[in-house]
Amino acid sequence: MNQSDFHKFLEKQLTVMRDVLDSKSADYSNADDKLYNFKLAAKIDGISPIEALRGMWLKHRTSIVQGLDDLQRGVCRPESWWSEKLTDDRNYGILLQALLVETEFETKETSPTLNGAKIEYKVPDNIRIRHYGSYYIIYDNKTDEYLWHDLEFHGIVSWHKAIPNTEGCYSTRELAEEYLQFYLRGLK
């Protein structure tokens, strides 16, 4: 494929990707948040939105592997099948990047104070896999103590223990806010 034909092919693929992302918005997002379904799936399963995306993306990737296995056996699936699977695969990469921008690069700063409490997003320094950041609730300047799921404040002995879905961590900001509201109701 020469350079000119490749650029035409690329432009066509970018248009298809955009069209698919737009058309699937009605089923997989809401008016306010393109990434809504990943966040909802994360909340349902008690995982991070990135982990939810990973599971959904894996389904598409395993399908592509099956198609590649068929190719090695001399069977090529229709072009429309390949186009759909590869477009979805590329789109998941874009959605992952959007989640990374939102969860890793834009939300690292402390959230506004909520009745004396702060919800912070932290990525432990000694965790090798960077997407293992979580939301923590700090209340009333207890800087070394975090609100755990038992609605009591406890210190975190080691950041190695502070990974998602453990007692001092919340996988989404919404979940942290929910626990904070339970705690604040108990103070009244």
C-alpha atoms as a PDB file:
ATOM      1  CA  MET A   1       0.000   0.000   0.000  1.00  0.00           C
ATOM      2  CA  ASN A   2       1.552   3.273  -1.044  1.00  0.00           C
ATOM      3  CA  GLN A   3       1.626   6.370   1.188  1.00  0.00           C
ATOM      4  CA  SER A   4      -1.302   8.073  -0.533  1.00  0.00           C
ATOM      5  CA  ASP A   5      -3.535   5.003  -0.329  1.00  0.00           C
ATOM      6  CA  PHE A   6      -2.553   4.519   3.299  1.00  0.00           C
ATOM      7  CA  HIS A   7      -3.538   8.104   4.182  1.00  0.00           C
ATOM      8  CA  LYS A   8      -6.919   7.619   2.483  1.00  0.00           C
ATOM      9  CA  PHE A   9      -7.358   4.364   4.409  1.00  0.00           C
ATOM     10  CA  LEU A  10      -6.384   6.098   7.675  1.00  0.00           C
ATOM     11  CA  GLU A  11      -8.862   8.952   7.132  1.00  0.00           C
ATOM     12  CA  LYS A  12     -11.635   6.451   6.432  1.00  0.00           C
ATOM     13  CA  GLN A  13     -10.772   4.495   9.606  1.00  0.00           C
ATOM     14  CA  LEU A  14     -10.739   7.671  11.737  1.00  0.00           C
ATOM     15  CA  THR A  15     -14.188   8.558  10.413  1.00  0.00           C
ATOM     16  CA  VAL A  16     -15.487   5.050  11.161  1.00  0.00           C
ATOM     17  CA  MET A  17     -14.007   5.189  14.689  1.00  0.00           C
ATOM     18  CA  ARG A  18     -15.658   8.556  15.375  1.00  0.00           C
ATOM     19  CA  ASP A  19     -18.994   7.351  13.963  1.00  0.00           C
ATOM     20  CA  VAL A  20     -18.926   4.210  16.111  1.00  0.00           C
ATOM     21  CA  LEU A  21     -17.991   6.160  19.246  1.00  0.00           C
ATOM     22  CA  ASP A  22     -20.841   8.588  18.576  1.00  0.00           C
ATOM     23  CA  SER A  23     -23.413   5.918  17.738  1.00  0.00           C
ATOM     24  CA  LYS A  24     -22.632   3.805  20.805  1.00  0.00           C
ATOM     25  CA  SER A  25     -22.937   6.793  23.139  1.00  0.00           C
ATOM     26  CA  ALA A  26     -26.689   6.254  23.433  1.00  0.00           C
ATOM     27  CA  ASP A  27     -26.166   2.731  24.787  1.00  0.00           C
ATOM     28  CA  TYR A  28     -22.899   3.077  26.689  1.00  0.00           C
ATOM     29  CA  SER A  29     -22.790   6.535  28.239  1.00  0.00           C
ATOM     30  CA  ASN A  30     -25.083   9.257  29.461  1.00  0.00           C
ATOM     31  CA  ALA A  31     -25.539  12.877  28.403  1.00  0.00           C
ATOM     32  CA  ASP A  32     -23.124  14.124  31.050  1.00  0.00           C
ATOM     33  CA  ASP A  33     -20.357  11.534  30.887  1.00  0.00           C
ATOM     34  CA  LYS A  34     -18.967   9.574  27.929  1.00  0.00           C
ATOM     35  CA  LEU A  35     -17.234   7.227  30.403  1.00  0.00           C
ATOM     36  CA  TYR A  36     -20.363   6.590  32.502  1.00  0.00           C
ATOM     37  CA  ASN A  37     -20.708   2.839  31.850  1.00  0.00           C
ATOM     38  CA  PHE A  38     -17.137   2.131  32.929  1.00  0.00           C
ATOM     39  CA  LYS A  39     -17.804   4.001  36.157  1.00  0.00           C
ATOM     40  CA  LEU A  40     -21.123   2.241  36.707  1.00  0.00           C
ATOM     41  CA  ALA A  41     -19.571  -1.184  36.051  1.00  0.00           C
ATOM     42  CA  ALA A  42     -16.758  -0.262  38.463  1.00  0.00           C
ATOM     43  CA  LYS A  43     -19.244   0.675  41.154  1.00  0.00           C
ATOM     44  CA  ILE A  44     -21.250  -2.529  40.655  1.00  0.00           C
ATOM     45  CA  ASP A  45     -18.151  -4.752  40.836  1.00  0.00           C
ATOM     46  CA  GLY A  46     -16.204  -2.701  43.397  1.00  0.00           C
ATOM     47  CA  ILE A  47     -13.297  -2.107  41.024  1.00  0.00           C
ATOM     48  CA  SER A  48     -11.792   0.937  39.323  1.00  0.00           C
ATOM     49  CA  PRO A  49     -13.243   2.257  36.044  1.00  0.00           C
ATOM     50  CA  ILE A  50      -9.979   1.328  34.331  1.00  0.00           C
ATOM     51  CA  GLU A  51     -10.297  -2.254  35.547  1.00  0.00           C
ATOM     52  CA  ALA A  52     -13.890  -2.299  34.268  1.00  0.00           C
ATOM     53  CA  LEU A  53     -12.714  -1.079  30.860  1.00  0.00           C
ATOM     54  CA  ARG A  54      -9.982  -3.709  30.861  1.00  0.00           C
ATOM     55  CA  GLY A  55     -12.519  -6.499  31.312  1.00  0.00           C
ATOM     56  CA  MET A  56     -14.777  -5.198  28.561  1.00  0.00           C
ATOM     57  CA  TRP A  57     -11.840  -4.620  26.213  1.00  0.00           C
ATOM     58  CA  LEU A  58     -10.544  -8.134  26.881  1.00  0.00           C
ATOM     59  CA  LYS A  59     -13.733  -9.584  25.392  1.00  0.00           C
ATOM     60  CA  HIS A  60     -12.995  -7.784  22.113  1.00  0.00           C
ATOM     61  CA  ARG A  61      -9.331  -8.703  22.157  1.00  0.00           C
ATOM     62  CA  THR A  62     -10.034 -12.413  22.694  1.00  0.00           C
ATOM     63  CA  SER A  63     -12.394 -12.309  19.732  1.00  0.00           C
ATOM     64  CA  ILE A  64      -9.602 -10.828  17.596  1.00  0.00           C
ATOM     65  CA  VAL A  65      -7.250 -13.593  18.763  1.00  0.00           C
ATOM     66  CA  GLN A  66      -9.831 -16.176  17.646  1.00  0.00           C
ATOM     67  CA  GLY A  67      -9.950 -14.470  14.245  1.00  0.00           C
ATOM     68  CA  LEU A  68      -6.154 -14.579  14.039  1.00  0.00           C
ATOM     69  CA  ASP A  69      -6.200 -18.272  14.967  1.00  0.00           C
ATOM     70  CA  ASP A  70      -8.679 -18.873  12.128  1.00  0.00           C
ATOM     71  CA  LEU A  71      -6.323 -17.052   9.732  1.00  0.00           C
ATOM     72  CA  GLN A  72      -3.509 -19.408  10.701  1.00  0.00           C
ATOM     73  CA  ARG A  73      -5.804 -22.316   9.812  1.00  0.00           C
ATOM     74  CA  GLY A  74      -6.483 -20.716   6.427  1.00  0.00           C
ATOM     75  CA  VAL A  75      -9.944 -19.318   7.256  1.00  0.00           C
ATOM     76  CA  CYS A  76     -10.460 -15.584   6.929  1.00  0.00           C
ATOM     77  CA  ARG A  77     -13.541 -14.049   8.485  1.00  0.00           C
ATOM     78  CA  PRO A  78     -15.418 -11.414   6.442  1.00  0.00           C
ATOM     79  CA  GLU A  79     -13.973  -7.918   6.082  1.00  0.00           C
ATOM     80  CA  SER A  80     -17.003  -6.463   7.929  1.00  0.00           C
ATOM     81  CA  TRP A  81     -16.193  -8.673  10.957  1.00  0.00           C
ATOM     82  CA  TRP A  82     -12.564  -7.523  11.013  1.00  0.00           C
ATOM     83  CA  SER A  83     -13.563  -3.901  10.571  1.00  0.00           C
ATOM     84  CA  GLU A  84     -15.982  -4.050  13.516  1.00  0.00           C
ATOM     85  CA  LYS A  85     -13.549  -5.837  15.860  1.00  0.00           C
ATOM     86  CA  LEU A  86     -10.518  -3.706  15.000  1.00  0.00           C
ATOM     87  CA  THR A  87     -12.514  -0.467  15.201  1.00  0.00           C
ATOM     88  CA  ASP A  88     -13.779  -1.444  18.653  1.00  0.00           C
ATOM     89  CA  ASP A  89     -10.234  -2.328  19.703  1.00  0.00           C
ATOM     90  CA  ARG A  90      -8.895   1.071  18.613  1.00  0.00           C
ATOM     91  CA  ASN A  91     -11.818   2.832  20.290  1.00  0.00           C
ATOM     92  CA  TYR A  92     -11.126   1.069  23.573  1.00  0.00           C
ATOM     93  CA  GLY A  93      -7.600   2.496  23.408  1.00  0.00           C
ATOM     94  CA  ILE A  94      -9.065   5.992  23.064  1.00  0.00           C
ATOM     95  CA  LEU A  95     -11.531   5.373  25.917  1.00  0.00           C
ATOM     96  CA  LEU A  96      -8.687   4.082  28.094  1.00  0.00           C
ATOM     97  CA  GLN A  97      -6.701   7.215  27.376  1.00  0.00           C
ATOM     98  CA  ALA A  98      -9.726   9.367  28.302  1.00  0.00           C
ATOM     99  CA  LEU A  99     -10.070   7.477  31.610  1.00  0.00           C
ATOM    100  CA  LEU A 100      -6.356   7.912  32.285  1.00  0.00           C
ATOM    101  CA  VAL A 101      -6.613  11.643  31.661  1.00  0.00           C
ATOM    102  CA  GLU A 102      -9.591  11.854  34.000  1.00  0.00           C
ATOM    103  CA  THR A 103      -8.385   9.540  36.786  1.00  0.00           C
ATOM    104  CA  GLU A 104      -4.604   9.751  36.642  1.00  0.00           C
ATOM    105  CA  PHE A 105      -3.744  13.176  35.336  1.00  0.00           C
ATOM    106  CA  GLU A 106      -6.603  15.544  36.236  1.00  0.00           C
ATOM    107  CA  THR A 107      -7.936  14.291  39.598  1.00  0.00           C
ATOM    108  CA  LYS A 108      -4.709  14.019  41.547  1.00  0.00           C
ATOM    109  CA  GLU A 109      -5.465  17.268  43.332  1.00  0.00           C
ATOM    110  CA  THR A 110      -7.446  17.336  46.551  1.00  0.00           C
ATOM    111  CA  SER A 111     -11.189  17.743  46.129  1.00  0.00           C
ATOM    112  CA  PRO A 112     -13.035  20.622  47.792  1.00  0.00           C
ATOM    113  CA  THR A 113     -13.612  20.284  51.517  1.00  0.00           C
ATOM    114  CA  LEU A 114     -16.902  18.573  52.405  1.00  0.00           C
ATOM    115  CA  ASN A 115     -17.959  19.566  55.931  1.00  0.00           C
ATOM    116  CA  GLY A 116     -14.381  19.320  57.182  1.00  0.00           C
ATOM    117  CA  ALA A 117     -13.561  16.212  55.136  1.00  0.00           C
ATOM    118  CA  LYS A 118     -11.379  15.857  52.078  1.00  0.00           C
ATOM    119  CA  ILE A 119     -11.515  13.166  49.458  1.00  0.00           C
ATOM    120  CA  GLU A 120      -8.100  12.698  47.904  1.00  0.00           C
ATOM    121  CA  TYR A 121      -6.937  10.575  45.011  1.00  0.00           C
ATOM    122  CA  LYS A 122      -3.583   8.981  45.691  1.00  0.00           C
ATOM    123  CA  VAL A 123      -1.322   6.605  43.871  1.00  0.00           C
ATOM    124  CA  PRO A 124       0.989   4.904  46.362  1.00  0.00           C
ATOM    125  CA  ASP A 125       4.620   5.548  45.483  1.00  0.00           C
ATOM    126  CA  ASN A 126       5.711   1.986  45.996  1.00  0.00           C
ATOM    127  CA  ILE A 127       2.977   0.343  43.927  1.00  0.00           C
ATOM    128  CA  ARG A 128       4.503  -0.718  40.628  1.00  0.00           C
ATOM    129  CA  ILE A 129       1.267  -0.684  38.640  1.00  0.00           C
ATOM    130  CA  ARG A 130       0.239   2.976  38.378  1.00  0.00           C
ATOM    131  CA  HIS A 131      -3.526   2.391  37.947  1.00  0.00           C
ATOM    132  CA  TYR A 132      -3.733   1.181  41.543  1.00  0.00           C
ATOM    133  CA  GLY A 133      -4.548   4.644  42.832  1.00  0.00           C
ATOM    134  CA  SER A 134      -7.604   5.051  45.007  1.00  0.00           C
ATOM    135  CA  TYR A 135      -9.715   7.640  46.729  1.00  0.00           C
ATOM    136  CA  TYR A 136      -9.195   8.232  50.444  1.00  0.00           C
ATOM    137  CA  ILE A 137     -11.262  10.157  52.985  1.00  0.00           C
ATOM    138  CA  ILE A 138      -9.404  12.368  55.448  1.00  0.00           C
ATOM    139  CA  TYR A 139     -11.520  14.155  58.060  1.00  0.00           C
ATOM    140  CA  ASP A 140     -10.829  16.905  60.562  1.00  0.00           C
ATOM    141  CA  ASN A 141      -7.106  17.193  59.746  1.00  0.00           C
ATOM    142  CA  LYS A 142      -6.398  13.565  60.651  1.00  0.00           C
ATOM    143  CA  THR A 143      -3.693  13.498  58.021  1.00  0.00           C
ATOM    144  CA  ASP A 144      -2.392  10.036  58.846  1.00  0.00           C
ATOM    145  CA  GLU A 145      -5.783   8.429  59.384  1.00  0.00           C
ATOM    146  CA  TYR A 146      -8.330   7.489  56.771  1.00  0.00           C
ATOM    147  CA  LEU A 147     -12.025   6.658  57.018  1.00  0.00           C
ATOM    148  CA  TRP A 148     -12.352   2.935  56.480  1.00  0.00           C
ATOM    149  CA  HIS A 149     -15.435   0.979  55.445  1.00  0.00           C
ATOM    150  CA  ASP A 150     -16.327   0.382  59.094  1.00  0.00           C
ATOM    151  CA  LEU A 151     -16.793   4.185  59.328  1.00  0.00           C
ATOM    152  CA  GLU A 152     -13.931   4.511  61.810  1.00  0.00           C
ATOM    153  CA  PHE A 153     -10.610   6.263  61.276  1.00  0.00           C
ATOM    154  CA  HIS A 154      -7.537   4.057  61.038  1.00  0.00           C
ATOM    155  CA  GLY A 155      -3.989   4.632  59.924  1.00  0.00           C
ATOM    156  CA  ILE A 156      -2.583   2.832  56.929  1.00  0.00           C
ATOM    157  CA  VAL A 157       0.443   0.870  58.069  1.00  0.00           C
ATOM    158  CA  SER A 158       1.958   0.372  54.650  1.00  0.00           C
ATOM    159  CA  TRP A 159       1.093   1.657  51.213  1.00  0.00           C
ATOM    160  CA  HIS A 160       1.536  -1.918  50.023  1.00  0.00           C
ATOM    161  CA  LYS A 161      -1.642  -2.689  51.939  1.00  0.00           C
ATOM    162  CA  ALA A 162      -3.339   0.389  50.483  1.00  0.00           C
ATOM    163  CA  ILE A 163      -4.478  -1.027  47.172  1.00  0.00           C
ATOM    164  CA  PRO A 164      -7.989  -0.738  45.718  1.00  0.00           C
ATOM    165  CA  ASN A 165     -10.817  -2.499  47.523  1.00  0.00           C
ATOM    166  CA  THR A 166      -9.026  -2.665  50.854  1.00  0.00           C
ATOM    167  CA  GLU A 167     -10.456  -1.012  53.919  1.00  0.00           C
ATOM    168  CA  GLY A 168      -8.979   2.474  53.551  1.00  0.00           C
ATOM    169  CA  CYS A 169      -9.479   2.821  49.798  1.00  0.00           C
ATOM    170  CA  TYR A 170     -12.439   3.599  47.575  1.00  0.00           C
ATOM    171  CA  SER A 171     -12.314   2.705  43.893  1.00  0.00           C
ATOM    172  CA  THR A 172     -14.366   5.716  42.760  1.00  0.00           C
ATOM    173  CA  ARG A 173     -14.927   9.238  44.015  1.00  0.00           C
ATOM    174  CA  GLU A 174     -18.667   8.465  44.139  1.00  0.00           C
ATOM    175  CA  LEU A 175     -18.086   5.511  46.466  1.00  0.00           C
ATOM    176  CA  ALA A 176     -15.873   7.622  48.748  1.00  0.00           C
ATOM    177  CA  GLU A 177     -18.553  10.331  48.860  1.00  0.00           C
ATOM    178  CA  GLU A 178     -21.186   7.720  49.704  1.00  0.00           C
ATOM    179  CA  TYR A 179     -19.156   6.435  52.670  1.00  0.00           C
ATOM    180  CA  LEU A 180     -18.428   9.991  53.758  1.00  0.00           C
ATOM    181  CA  GLN A 181     -22.168  10.761  53.780  1.00  0.00           C
ATOM    182  CA  PHE A 182     -22.810   7.667  55.965  1.00  0.00           C
ATOM    183  CA  TYR A 183     -20.137   8.906  58.341  1.00  0.00           C
ATOM    184  CA  LEU A 184     -21.478  12.475  58.452  1.00  0.00           C
ATOM    185  CA  ARG A 185     -25.037  11.226  59.127  1.00  0.00           C
ATOM    186  CA  GLY A 186     -23.698   9.333  62.118  1.00  0.00           C
ATOM    187  CA  LEU A 187     -22.226  12.540  63.569  1.00  0.00           C
ATOM    188  CA  LYS A 188     -25.640  14.216  63.777  1.00  0.00           C
END
